[in-house]
N, C-alpha and C. Protein backbone atom coordinates (compact mmCIF):
# COMPACT_ATOMS: atom_id res chain seq x y z
N MET A 1 0.84 -1.20 0.00
CA MET A 1 0.00 0.00 0.00
C MET A 1 0.88 1.25 0.00
N LYS A 2 0.45 2.22 -0.77
CA LYS A 2 1.21 3.46 -0.88
C LYS A 2 0.38 4.61 -0.32
N PHE A 3 1.01 5.41 0.53
CA PHE A 3 0.35 6.55 1.14
C PHE A 3 1.18 7.81 0.91
N LEU A 4 0.51 8.91 0.68
CA LEU A 4 1.14 10.22 0.73
C LEU A 4 0.89 10.79 2.11
N VAL A 5 1.94 11.22 2.79
CA VAL A 5 1.83 11.73 4.16
C VAL A 5 2.12 13.22 4.16
N ILE A 6 1.16 13.98 4.67
CA ILE A 6 1.34 15.43 4.79
C ILE A 6 0.98 15.87 6.21
N THR A 7 1.53 17.00 6.60
CA THR A 7 1.22 17.56 7.92
C THR A 7 1.54 19.04 7.91
N ASP A 8 0.93 19.77 8.81
CA ASP A 8 1.27 21.17 9.05
C ASP A 8 1.18 22.04 7.79
N LEU A 9 0.03 21.98 7.14
CA LEU A 9 -0.23 22.87 6.00
C LEU A 9 -0.48 24.30 6.48
N HIS A 10 -1.04 24.44 7.67
CA HIS A 10 -1.28 25.74 8.30
C HIS A 10 -2.00 26.72 7.37
N GLN A 11 -3.02 26.19 6.70
CA GLN A 11 -3.94 27.01 5.92
C GLN A 11 -3.28 27.66 4.70
N LYS A 12 -2.15 27.13 4.26
CA LYS A 12 -1.48 27.67 3.08
C LYS A 12 -2.10 27.03 1.85
N THR A 13 -3.27 27.52 1.47
CA THR A 13 -4.07 26.88 0.42
C THR A 13 -3.43 26.97 -0.95
N GLU A 14 -2.49 27.88 -1.13
CA GLU A 14 -1.80 27.95 -2.42
C GLU A 14 -0.96 26.71 -2.70
N ASN A 15 -0.76 25.86 -1.67
CA ASN A 15 -0.01 24.62 -1.86
C ASN A 15 -0.90 23.43 -2.21
N ILE A 16 -2.20 23.62 -2.28
CA ILE A 16 -3.08 22.51 -2.63
C ILE A 16 -2.80 21.98 -4.04
N PRO A 17 -2.57 22.82 -5.05
CA PRO A 17 -2.20 22.28 -6.36
C PRO A 17 -0.92 21.43 -6.31
N TRP A 18 0.01 21.81 -5.46
CA TRP A 18 1.23 21.01 -5.29
C TRP A 18 0.90 19.65 -4.70
N ILE A 19 0.02 19.60 -3.69
CA ILE A 19 -0.40 18.32 -3.12
C ILE A 19 -1.08 17.47 -4.18
N ASN A 20 -1.98 18.08 -4.94
CA ASN A 20 -2.67 17.33 -6.00
C ASN A 20 -1.70 16.86 -7.08
N GLY A 21 -0.65 17.61 -7.29
CA GLY A 21 0.40 17.17 -8.23
C GLY A 21 1.12 15.93 -7.72
N LEU A 22 1.36 15.87 -6.40
CA LEU A 22 1.98 14.68 -5.82
C LEU A 22 1.04 13.47 -5.94
N VAL A 23 -0.26 13.71 -5.79
CA VAL A 23 -1.23 12.63 -5.97
C VAL A 23 -1.16 12.09 -7.39
N ASP A 24 -1.10 12.98 -8.36
CA ASP A 24 -1.01 12.55 -9.75
C ASP A 24 0.29 11.80 -10.02
N GLU A 25 1.39 12.28 -9.41
CA GLU A 25 2.70 11.69 -9.68
C GLU A 25 2.87 10.33 -9.02
N TYR A 26 2.45 10.19 -7.77
CA TYR A 26 2.74 8.98 -7.01
C TYR A 26 1.55 8.02 -6.89
N GLU A 27 0.36 8.48 -7.20
CA GLU A 27 -0.85 7.65 -7.20
C GLU A 27 -1.02 6.86 -5.89
N PRO A 28 -1.06 7.55 -4.76
CA PRO A 28 -1.25 6.85 -3.48
C PRO A 28 -2.67 6.32 -3.34
N GLU A 29 -2.81 5.27 -2.53
CA GLU A 29 -4.15 4.78 -2.21
C GLU A 29 -4.91 5.78 -1.34
N ALA A 30 -4.18 6.52 -0.52
CA ALA A 30 -4.80 7.51 0.35
C ALA A 30 -3.75 8.49 0.83
N ILE A 31 -4.24 9.60 1.36
CA ILE A 31 -3.39 10.58 2.04
C ILE A 31 -3.60 10.45 3.54
N LEU A 32 -2.50 10.41 4.28
CA LEU A 32 -2.56 10.46 5.74
C LEU A 32 -2.14 11.87 6.14
N CYS A 33 -3.09 12.61 6.71
CA CYS A 33 -2.85 14.00 7.09
C CYS A 33 -2.72 14.08 8.60
N LEU A 34 -1.58 14.59 9.07
CA LEU A 34 -1.23 14.53 10.49
C LEU A 34 -1.57 15.80 11.26
N GLY A 35 -2.42 16.66 10.70
CA GLY A 35 -2.92 17.78 11.48
C GLY A 35 -2.34 19.13 11.14
N ASP A 36 -2.82 20.14 11.85
CA ASP A 36 -2.58 21.55 11.56
C ASP A 36 -2.93 21.86 10.11
N VAL A 37 -4.14 21.45 9.74
CA VAL A 37 -4.68 21.82 8.44
C VAL A 37 -4.85 23.33 8.39
N THR A 38 -5.28 23.90 9.50
CA THR A 38 -5.47 25.35 9.59
C THR A 38 -4.42 25.98 10.50
N ASP A 39 -4.47 27.29 10.56
CA ASP A 39 -3.60 28.04 11.45
C ASP A 39 -4.49 28.83 12.41
N MET A 40 -5.00 28.12 13.42
CA MET A 40 -5.99 28.66 14.35
C MET A 40 -7.31 28.96 13.64
N GLY A 41 -7.59 28.21 12.58
CA GLY A 41 -8.83 28.40 11.84
C GLY A 41 -9.96 27.55 12.37
N THR A 42 -11.06 27.52 11.61
CA THR A 42 -12.25 26.80 12.04
C THR A 42 -12.31 25.40 11.44
N GLY A 43 -13.18 24.58 12.00
CA GLY A 43 -13.40 23.26 11.44
C GLY A 43 -13.95 23.32 10.04
N GLU A 44 -14.82 24.30 9.77
CA GLU A 44 -15.37 24.48 8.43
C GLU A 44 -14.27 24.83 7.43
N GLN A 45 -13.33 25.67 7.84
CA GLN A 45 -12.22 26.01 6.95
C GLN A 45 -11.37 24.78 6.65
N ALA A 46 -11.17 23.95 7.66
CA ALA A 46 -10.40 22.71 7.46
C ALA A 46 -11.11 21.81 6.46
N ALA A 47 -12.42 21.67 6.60
CA ALA A 47 -13.18 20.83 5.68
C ALA A 47 -13.10 21.37 4.26
N ASP A 48 -13.16 22.68 4.10
CA ASP A 48 -13.06 23.28 2.77
C ASP A 48 -11.69 23.00 2.14
N ILE A 49 -10.64 23.10 2.95
CA ILE A 49 -9.29 22.83 2.44
C ILE A 49 -9.16 21.37 2.00
N ILE A 50 -9.58 20.45 2.86
CA ILE A 50 -9.44 19.04 2.55
C ILE A 50 -10.28 18.64 1.34
N SER A 51 -11.43 19.30 1.17
CA SER A 51 -12.31 18.96 0.04
C SER A 51 -11.66 19.25 -1.31
N GLN A 52 -10.62 20.08 -1.31
CA GLN A 52 -9.95 20.44 -2.56
C GLN A 52 -8.85 19.44 -2.95
N ILE A 53 -8.57 18.48 -2.09
CA ILE A 53 -7.53 17.48 -2.36
C ILE A 53 -8.13 16.32 -3.14
N LYS A 54 -7.46 15.92 -4.21
CA LYS A 54 -8.00 14.92 -5.15
C LYS A 54 -7.62 13.50 -4.75
N CYS A 55 -7.87 13.16 -3.51
CA CYS A 55 -7.53 11.81 -3.03
C CYS A 55 -8.30 11.59 -1.73
N ARG A 56 -8.51 10.33 -1.40
CA ARG A 56 -9.14 10.03 -0.12
C ARG A 56 -8.18 10.43 1.00
N VAL A 57 -8.70 11.14 2.01
CA VAL A 57 -7.86 11.66 3.08
C VAL A 57 -8.30 11.08 4.42
N TYR A 58 -7.32 10.60 5.18
CA TYR A 58 -7.50 10.18 6.56
C TYR A 58 -6.80 11.23 7.41
N CYS A 59 -7.53 11.86 8.31
CA CYS A 59 -7.01 13.08 8.93
C CYS A 59 -7.20 13.12 10.44
N ILE A 60 -6.18 13.65 11.12
CA ILE A 60 -6.27 13.98 12.54
C ILE A 60 -6.06 15.48 12.69
N PRO A 61 -6.56 16.08 13.77
CA PRO A 61 -6.31 17.49 14.01
C PRO A 61 -4.92 17.74 14.58
N GLY A 62 -4.42 18.93 14.36
CA GLY A 62 -3.22 19.38 15.05
C GLY A 62 -3.58 20.30 16.18
N ASN A 63 -2.59 20.73 16.92
CA ASN A 63 -2.86 21.62 18.05
C ASN A 63 -3.38 22.99 17.61
N CYS A 64 -3.10 23.36 16.37
CA CYS A 64 -3.56 24.65 15.85
C CYS A 64 -4.92 24.56 15.16
N ASP A 65 -5.54 23.39 15.17
CA ASP A 65 -6.86 23.21 14.59
C ASP A 65 -7.94 23.36 15.66
N ALA A 66 -9.15 23.63 15.18
CA ALA A 66 -10.28 23.79 16.09
C ALA A 66 -10.71 22.45 16.68
N ARG A 67 -11.32 22.52 17.83
CA ARG A 67 -11.78 21.30 18.50
C ARG A 67 -12.86 20.56 17.71
N ASP A 68 -13.57 21.29 16.85
CA ASP A 68 -14.62 20.62 16.07
C ASP A 68 -14.13 20.10 14.73
N LEU A 69 -12.81 20.14 14.48
CA LEU A 69 -12.31 19.63 13.20
C LEU A 69 -12.74 18.19 12.95
N PRO A 70 -12.61 17.27 13.90
CA PRO A 70 -13.01 15.88 13.60
C PRO A 70 -14.46 15.78 13.10
N GLU A 71 -15.35 16.54 13.71
CA GLU A 71 -16.76 16.51 13.29
C GLU A 71 -16.93 17.15 11.92
N LYS A 72 -16.32 18.29 11.71
CA LYS A 72 -16.55 19.06 10.48
C LYS A 72 -15.96 18.38 9.25
N ILE A 73 -14.82 17.71 9.39
CA ILE A 73 -14.20 17.11 8.20
C ILE A 73 -14.84 15.79 7.81
N SER A 74 -15.71 15.26 8.65
CA SER A 74 -16.22 13.90 8.41
C SER A 74 -17.03 13.78 7.12
N ARG A 75 -17.48 14.90 6.57
CA ARG A 75 -18.22 14.83 5.31
C ARG A 75 -17.29 14.79 4.10
N VAL A 76 -16.01 15.11 4.28
CA VAL A 76 -15.08 15.14 3.14
C VAL A 76 -13.87 14.23 3.33
N ALA A 77 -13.70 13.66 4.52
CA ALA A 77 -12.53 12.84 4.81
C ALA A 77 -12.89 11.83 5.90
N THR A 78 -11.94 10.96 6.22
CA THR A 78 -12.11 10.01 7.32
C THR A 78 -11.44 10.58 8.56
N ASP A 79 -12.24 10.84 9.58
CA ASP A 79 -11.72 11.35 10.85
C ASP A 79 -11.00 10.23 11.59
N MET A 80 -9.75 10.47 11.97
CA MET A 80 -8.95 9.45 12.65
C MET A 80 -8.58 9.84 14.08
N HIS A 81 -9.21 10.88 14.61
CA HIS A 81 -8.85 11.31 15.96
C HIS A 81 -9.41 10.35 17.00
N GLY A 82 -8.52 9.63 17.65
CA GLY A 82 -8.94 8.63 18.63
C GLY A 82 -9.63 7.45 18.01
N LYS A 83 -9.35 7.22 16.73
CA LYS A 83 -10.03 6.17 15.99
C LYS A 83 -9.03 5.32 15.21
N SER A 84 -9.53 4.22 14.68
CA SER A 84 -8.69 3.33 13.88
C SER A 84 -9.40 3.03 12.56
N ALA A 85 -8.62 2.56 11.62
CA ALA A 85 -9.16 2.16 10.32
C ALA A 85 -8.26 1.08 9.74
N GLU A 86 -8.81 0.30 8.85
CA GLU A 86 -8.02 -0.71 8.15
C GLU A 86 -8.08 -0.39 6.66
N ILE A 87 -6.91 -0.21 6.07
CA ILE A 87 -6.82 0.12 4.66
C ILE A 87 -5.98 -0.96 3.98
N GLY A 88 -6.59 -1.73 3.12
CA GLY A 88 -5.84 -2.78 2.42
C GLY A 88 -5.16 -3.74 3.36
N GLY A 89 -5.80 -4.04 4.48
CA GLY A 89 -5.22 -4.96 5.45
C GLY A 89 -4.24 -4.33 6.41
N ILE A 90 -4.02 -3.03 6.30
CA ILE A 90 -3.09 -2.32 7.19
C ILE A 90 -3.89 -1.60 8.27
N TYR A 91 -3.60 -1.90 9.52
CA TYR A 91 -4.32 -1.31 10.65
C TYR A 91 -3.65 0.00 11.04
N ILE A 92 -4.45 1.06 11.09
CA ILE A 92 -3.94 2.39 11.40
C ILE A 92 -4.68 2.95 12.60
N ALA A 93 -3.93 3.47 13.57
CA ALA A 93 -4.52 4.13 14.73
C ALA A 93 -4.08 5.59 14.74
N GLY A 94 -5.02 6.47 15.05
CA GLY A 94 -4.71 7.89 14.98
C GLY A 94 -5.10 8.67 16.22
N LEU A 95 -4.33 9.70 16.52
CA LEU A 95 -4.67 10.63 17.59
C LEU A 95 -4.11 12.00 17.27
N GLY A 96 -5.00 12.99 17.27
CA GLY A 96 -4.59 14.35 16.96
C GLY A 96 -4.31 15.18 18.19
N GLY A 97 -4.14 16.47 17.95
CA GLY A 97 -3.78 17.39 19.01
C GLY A 97 -2.33 17.21 19.44
N SER A 98 -1.93 17.99 20.41
CA SER A 98 -0.57 17.86 20.94
C SER A 98 -0.63 17.73 22.45
N ASN A 99 0.52 17.45 23.04
CA ASN A 99 0.61 17.57 24.48
C ASN A 99 0.57 19.05 24.85
N ILE A 100 0.63 19.35 26.13
CA ILE A 100 0.47 20.74 26.58
C ILE A 100 1.69 21.57 26.14
N THR A 101 1.41 22.74 25.55
CA THR A 101 2.46 23.64 25.09
C THR A 101 2.41 24.95 25.88
N ILE A 102 3.39 25.81 25.64
CA ILE A 102 3.40 27.13 26.27
C ILE A 102 2.50 28.11 25.53
N PHE A 103 1.94 27.67 24.40
CA PHE A 103 1.20 28.59 23.53
C PHE A 103 -0.31 28.57 23.77
N ASN A 104 -0.78 27.63 24.60
CA ASN A 104 -2.22 27.53 24.87
C ASN A 104 -3.01 27.44 23.57
N SER A 105 -2.57 26.56 22.68
CA SER A 105 -3.23 26.40 21.38
C SER A 105 -4.53 25.63 21.54
N PRO A 106 -5.39 25.64 20.51
CA PRO A 106 -6.76 25.14 20.69
C PRO A 106 -6.89 23.65 21.02
N PHE A 107 -5.99 22.81 20.50
CA PHE A 107 -6.20 21.37 20.62
C PHE A 107 -5.02 20.73 21.34
N GLU A 108 -5.01 20.86 22.67
CA GLU A 108 -3.95 20.28 23.49
C GLU A 108 -4.55 19.27 24.46
N LEU A 109 -3.77 18.23 24.76
CA LEU A 109 -4.21 17.16 25.65
C LEU A 109 -3.13 16.91 26.70
N THR A 110 -3.55 16.48 27.88
CA THR A 110 -2.57 16.06 28.87
C THR A 110 -1.99 14.71 28.47
N GLU A 111 -0.87 14.35 29.06
CA GLU A 111 -0.28 13.04 28.77
C GLU A 111 -1.24 11.92 29.16
N GLU A 112 -1.98 12.13 30.24
CA GLU A 112 -2.96 11.12 30.67
C GLU A 112 -4.08 10.97 29.64
N GLU A 113 -4.52 12.07 29.07
CA GLU A 113 -5.55 12.01 28.03
C GLU A 113 -5.03 11.33 26.77
N ILE A 114 -3.80 11.62 26.41
CA ILE A 114 -3.21 10.98 25.22
C ILE A 114 -3.19 9.47 25.39
N ASP A 115 -2.72 9.01 26.54
CA ASP A 115 -2.65 7.57 26.78
C ASP A 115 -4.05 6.96 26.80
N ALA A 116 -4.99 7.62 27.46
CA ALA A 116 -6.34 7.07 27.60
C ALA A 116 -7.06 6.96 26.26
N LYS A 117 -6.77 7.87 25.32
CA LYS A 117 -7.42 7.85 24.03
C LYS A 117 -6.71 6.94 23.03
N LEU A 118 -5.38 6.82 23.15
CA LEU A 118 -4.61 6.08 22.16
C LEU A 118 -4.46 4.60 22.50
N ARG A 119 -4.30 4.29 23.76
CA ARG A 119 -4.04 2.91 24.15
C ARG A 119 -5.16 1.94 23.72
N PRO A 120 -6.45 2.29 23.89
CA PRO A 120 -7.49 1.32 23.54
C PRO A 120 -7.54 0.95 22.06
N ILE A 121 -7.02 1.81 21.19
CA ILE A 121 -7.07 1.53 19.75
C ILE A 121 -5.73 1.03 19.21
N SER A 122 -4.74 0.89 20.07
CA SER A 122 -3.41 0.48 19.63
C SER A 122 -3.30 -1.03 19.51
N ARG A 123 -2.56 -1.47 18.49
CA ARG A 123 -2.31 -2.89 18.27
C ARG A 123 -0.84 -3.09 17.89
N PRO A 124 -0.27 -4.24 18.21
CA PRO A 124 1.10 -4.51 17.77
C PRO A 124 1.20 -4.44 16.25
N GLY A 125 2.27 -3.81 15.77
CA GLY A 125 2.52 -3.77 14.34
C GLY A 125 1.65 -2.81 13.55
N MET A 126 0.95 -1.93 14.24
CA MET A 126 0.08 -0.96 13.57
C MET A 126 0.89 0.12 12.86
N VAL A 127 0.19 0.93 12.07
CA VAL A 127 0.69 2.23 11.65
C VAL A 127 0.11 3.24 12.61
N LEU A 128 0.96 4.03 13.22
CA LEU A 128 0.56 5.01 14.23
C LEU A 128 0.68 6.41 13.62
N MET A 129 -0.43 7.12 13.57
CA MET A 129 -0.38 8.51 13.09
C MET A 129 -0.81 9.45 14.20
N THR A 130 0.12 10.27 14.66
CA THR A 130 -0.14 11.26 15.69
C THR A 130 0.38 12.61 15.22
N HIS A 131 -0.21 13.68 15.75
CA HIS A 131 0.34 15.00 15.43
C HIS A 131 1.61 15.24 16.22
N VAL A 132 1.55 15.00 17.50
CA VAL A 132 2.72 15.20 18.36
C VAL A 132 3.65 13.99 18.24
N PRO A 133 4.96 14.22 18.16
CA PRO A 133 5.89 13.09 18.07
C PRO A 133 6.14 12.42 19.42
N SER A 134 6.71 11.23 19.35
CA SER A 134 7.22 10.58 20.55
C SER A 134 8.31 11.43 21.19
N TYR A 135 8.37 11.42 22.51
CA TYR A 135 9.39 12.19 23.20
C TYR A 135 10.79 11.77 22.74
N ASP A 136 11.59 12.78 22.36
CA ASP A 136 12.99 12.61 21.98
C ASP A 136 13.18 11.95 20.62
N ILE A 137 12.12 11.90 19.79
CA ILE A 137 12.25 11.40 18.42
C ILE A 137 11.58 12.41 17.49
N TYR A 138 12.36 13.13 16.72
CA TYR A 138 11.87 14.17 15.82
C TYR A 138 10.97 15.18 16.55
N ASP A 139 11.42 15.59 17.71
CA ASP A 139 10.62 16.52 18.52
C ASP A 139 11.46 17.66 19.07
N HIS A 140 12.63 17.93 18.48
CA HIS A 140 13.54 18.92 19.05
C HIS A 140 13.31 20.29 18.43
N ILE A 141 13.04 21.27 19.27
CA ILE A 141 12.92 22.65 18.82
C ILE A 141 14.33 23.20 18.57
N PRO A 142 14.44 24.39 17.93
CA PRO A 142 15.77 24.86 17.51
C PRO A 142 16.84 24.89 18.59
N ASN A 143 16.49 25.08 19.86
CA ASN A 143 17.52 25.10 20.91
C ASN A 143 17.91 23.69 21.37
N GLY A 144 17.32 22.67 20.73
CA GLY A 144 17.68 21.30 21.04
C GLY A 144 16.81 20.61 22.07
N THR A 145 15.86 21.34 22.64
CA THR A 145 15.00 20.77 23.68
C THR A 145 13.97 19.82 23.07
N PRO A 146 13.82 18.61 23.61
CA PRO A 146 12.76 17.72 23.14
C PRO A 146 11.43 18.10 23.77
N VAL A 147 10.38 18.19 22.95
CA VAL A 147 9.08 18.62 23.46
C VAL A 147 7.96 17.64 23.09
N GLY A 148 8.33 16.44 22.68
CA GLY A 148 7.34 15.45 22.29
C GLY A 148 6.63 14.83 23.48
N SER A 149 5.81 13.84 23.18
CA SER A 149 4.95 13.24 24.19
C SER A 149 5.54 11.96 24.77
N PRO A 150 5.79 11.91 26.08
CA PRO A 150 6.19 10.65 26.70
C PRO A 150 5.12 9.57 26.56
N ALA A 151 3.84 9.96 26.54
CA ALA A 151 2.77 8.97 26.40
C ALA A 151 2.80 8.31 25.03
N VAL A 152 3.03 9.10 23.99
CA VAL A 152 3.14 8.52 22.64
C VAL A 152 4.38 7.63 22.56
N ARG A 153 5.47 8.06 23.15
CA ARG A 153 6.70 7.26 23.15
C ARG A 153 6.45 5.91 23.84
N LYS A 154 5.73 5.93 24.94
CA LYS A 154 5.45 4.70 25.68
C LYS A 154 4.58 3.75 24.84
N ILE A 155 3.58 4.29 24.16
CA ILE A 155 2.75 3.47 23.27
C ILE A 155 3.61 2.85 22.18
N ALA A 156 4.49 3.64 21.59
CA ALA A 156 5.35 3.14 20.52
C ALA A 156 6.27 2.02 21.02
N GLU A 157 6.80 2.19 22.21
CA GLU A 157 7.70 1.18 22.76
C GLU A 157 6.94 -0.10 23.11
N GLU A 158 5.71 0.02 23.58
CA GLU A 158 4.94 -1.15 23.97
C GLU A 158 4.37 -1.91 22.78
N PHE A 159 3.83 -1.19 21.81
CA PHE A 159 3.11 -1.83 20.71
C PHE A 159 3.96 -2.01 19.45
N LYS A 160 5.12 -1.37 19.40
CA LYS A 160 6.07 -1.53 18.30
C LYS A 160 5.39 -1.40 16.93
N PRO A 161 4.83 -0.23 16.64
CA PRO A 161 4.23 -0.03 15.33
C PRO A 161 5.26 -0.21 14.22
N VAL A 162 4.81 -0.70 13.08
CA VAL A 162 5.72 -0.82 11.94
C VAL A 162 6.13 0.56 11.45
N LEU A 163 5.25 1.54 11.66
CA LEU A 163 5.51 2.91 11.21
C LEU A 163 4.85 3.87 12.19
N ALA A 164 5.59 4.88 12.64
CA ALA A 164 5.06 5.92 13.51
C ALA A 164 5.26 7.26 12.84
N LEU A 165 4.15 7.90 12.47
CA LEU A 165 4.18 9.17 11.76
C LEU A 165 3.81 10.30 12.70
N SER A 166 4.50 11.43 12.57
CA SER A 166 4.16 12.59 13.38
C SER A 166 4.57 13.86 12.64
N GLY A 167 4.05 14.98 13.12
CA GLY A 167 4.40 16.29 12.57
C GLY A 167 4.73 17.24 13.71
N HIS A 168 4.03 18.39 13.75
CA HIS A 168 4.06 19.33 14.89
C HIS A 168 5.35 20.14 14.96
N ILE A 169 6.50 19.48 14.97
CA ILE A 169 7.78 20.18 15.09
C ILE A 169 8.35 20.38 13.68
N HIS A 170 8.30 21.62 13.21
CA HIS A 170 8.67 21.91 11.82
C HIS A 170 10.17 21.77 11.57
N GLU A 171 10.96 21.89 12.63
CA GLU A 171 12.42 21.97 12.44
C GLU A 171 13.11 20.62 12.56
N ASP A 172 12.41 19.58 12.97
CA ASP A 172 13.05 18.27 13.21
C ASP A 172 12.42 17.25 12.26
N ILE A 173 12.97 17.20 11.06
CA ILE A 173 12.40 16.43 9.95
C ILE A 173 13.29 15.23 9.66
N GLY A 174 12.68 14.09 9.35
CA GLY A 174 13.52 12.96 8.96
C GLY A 174 12.81 11.64 9.08
N VAL A 175 13.57 10.58 8.80
CA VAL A 175 13.07 9.22 8.90
C VAL A 175 14.19 8.33 9.40
N GLN A 176 13.88 7.46 10.34
CA GLN A 176 14.86 6.50 10.84
C GLN A 176 14.15 5.32 11.47
N LYS A 177 14.82 4.18 11.45
CA LYS A 177 14.27 3.00 12.10
C LYS A 177 14.90 2.83 13.46
N ILE A 178 14.06 2.72 14.48
CA ILE A 178 14.51 2.48 15.84
C ILE A 178 13.84 1.20 16.31
N GLY A 179 14.64 0.17 16.53
CA GLY A 179 14.06 -1.13 16.88
C GLY A 179 13.23 -1.66 15.73
N ASP A 180 11.97 -1.97 16.00
CA ASP A 180 11.07 -2.51 14.98
C ASP A 180 10.27 -1.43 14.26
N THR A 181 10.46 -0.17 14.62
CA THR A 181 9.59 0.90 14.15
C THR A 181 10.34 1.90 13.29
N VAL A 182 9.74 2.25 12.15
CA VAL A 182 10.22 3.36 11.34
C VAL A 182 9.49 4.62 11.81
N PHE A 183 10.25 5.59 12.30
CA PHE A 183 9.70 6.88 12.73
C PHE A 183 9.91 7.91 11.63
N CYS A 184 8.90 8.72 11.38
CA CYS A 184 9.01 9.71 10.30
C CYS A 184 8.27 10.99 10.65
N ASN A 185 8.95 12.11 10.52
CA ASN A 185 8.32 13.44 10.49
C ASN A 185 8.58 13.97 9.08
N PRO A 186 7.54 14.02 8.23
CA PRO A 186 7.77 14.41 6.83
C PRO A 186 8.11 15.86 6.63
N GLY A 187 7.87 16.70 7.65
CA GLY A 187 8.11 18.13 7.50
C GLY A 187 6.83 18.86 7.10
N PRO A 188 6.81 20.17 7.28
CA PRO A 188 5.58 20.93 7.08
C PRO A 188 5.19 21.10 5.61
N ALA A 189 3.95 20.75 5.31
CA ALA A 189 3.45 20.92 3.94
C ALA A 189 3.36 22.39 3.56
N LYS A 190 3.29 23.27 4.54
CA LYS A 190 3.26 24.70 4.23
C LYS A 190 4.53 25.12 3.50
N ASP A 191 5.62 24.40 3.73
CA ASP A 191 6.90 24.66 3.06
C ASP A 191 7.20 23.63 1.97
N ARG A 192 6.18 22.85 1.59
CA ARG A 192 6.27 21.85 0.53
C ARG A 192 7.17 20.67 0.89
N TYR A 193 7.02 20.22 2.11
CA TYR A 193 7.60 18.95 2.54
C TYR A 193 6.48 17.91 2.61
N ALA A 194 6.82 16.67 2.33
CA ALA A 194 5.86 15.56 2.42
C ALA A 194 6.66 14.27 2.40
N ALA A 195 5.96 13.14 2.44
CA ALA A 195 6.62 11.84 2.34
C ALA A 195 5.68 10.88 1.61
N VAL A 196 6.28 9.97 0.87
CA VAL A 196 5.54 8.88 0.23
C VAL A 196 5.98 7.59 0.90
N VAL A 197 5.01 6.86 1.43
CA VAL A 197 5.29 5.65 2.20
C VAL A 197 4.75 4.43 1.47
N ASP A 198 5.59 3.41 1.32
CA ASP A 198 5.16 2.12 0.78
C ASP A 198 5.24 1.09 1.90
N ILE A 199 4.15 0.39 2.14
CA ILE A 199 4.11 -0.65 3.17
C ILE A 199 3.78 -1.97 2.51
N VAL A 200 4.72 -2.90 2.58
CA VAL A 200 4.53 -4.24 2.03
C VAL A 200 4.95 -5.24 3.11
N GLU A 201 4.76 -6.50 2.83
CA GLU A 201 5.09 -7.52 3.83
C GLU A 201 6.56 -7.46 4.24
N GLY A 202 7.41 -7.06 3.32
CA GLY A 202 8.83 -6.99 3.62
C GLY A 202 9.23 -5.81 4.48
N GLY A 203 8.31 -4.87 4.71
CA GLY A 203 8.64 -3.74 5.54
C GLY A 203 8.12 -2.43 4.99
N VAL A 204 8.77 -1.35 5.41
CA VAL A 204 8.34 0.00 5.08
C VAL A 204 9.45 0.73 4.36
N THR A 205 9.11 1.43 3.28
CA THR A 205 10.05 2.33 2.63
C THR A 205 9.44 3.72 2.62
N VAL A 206 10.27 4.73 2.82
CA VAL A 206 9.81 6.11 2.89
C VAL A 206 10.65 6.95 1.94
N LYS A 207 9.97 7.68 1.07
CA LYS A 207 10.62 8.66 0.21
C LYS A 207 10.28 10.06 0.72
N MET A 208 11.26 10.78 1.18
CA MET A 208 11.03 12.14 1.67
C MET A 208 10.98 13.11 0.49
N ILE A 209 10.01 13.99 0.51
CA ILE A 209 9.85 15.00 -0.54
C ILE A 209 10.18 16.36 0.04
N GLU A 210 11.13 17.03 -0.57
CA GLU A 210 11.60 18.31 -0.06
C GLU A 210 11.39 19.39 -1.12
N PRO A 211 11.27 20.65 -0.70
CA PRO A 211 11.06 21.73 -1.67
C PRO A 211 12.29 21.95 -2.54
């Protein structure tokens, strides 16, 4: 199965033709959107943005999205916040929002809430899509401080997803395999970063797309 992974568009709608160009070029089965569709915008604005993408979209909210994003996007995409789905035999679990930040953004959760919402839908070998990264993995802000979620990291260590996708931190982009899990932050779509993921029985391959 092939997926296009995007995150952190932050309402930069002029990049939608670029996203649709990637859909035409790589022909993914679906897009996995890791949140921050808007930049403190509304759920209706998020739905309008996603409706312009020429591919089936599975989406979680980011911390900069409205609390009603999961409800509002459900008419144009598959809401994955605190939910799971199976695509071509691949089990995917999703959770949006971030852990608590200094910015008091709209969609923040405590570590206890993250664990309580994510653990019941987690399975060994899943694909994990979260907005906030695991603590100390692609979560470093420019001064080097890790700001990711210990709860997400604990889930990843316990359930060993084949692939763990996250966004949120624009400056810490990359892909690496740690133990049994490939971790990936594709980078912000607002700056034309994305990733193409192929998942087959032999494992996971990730092609990073850079501007």
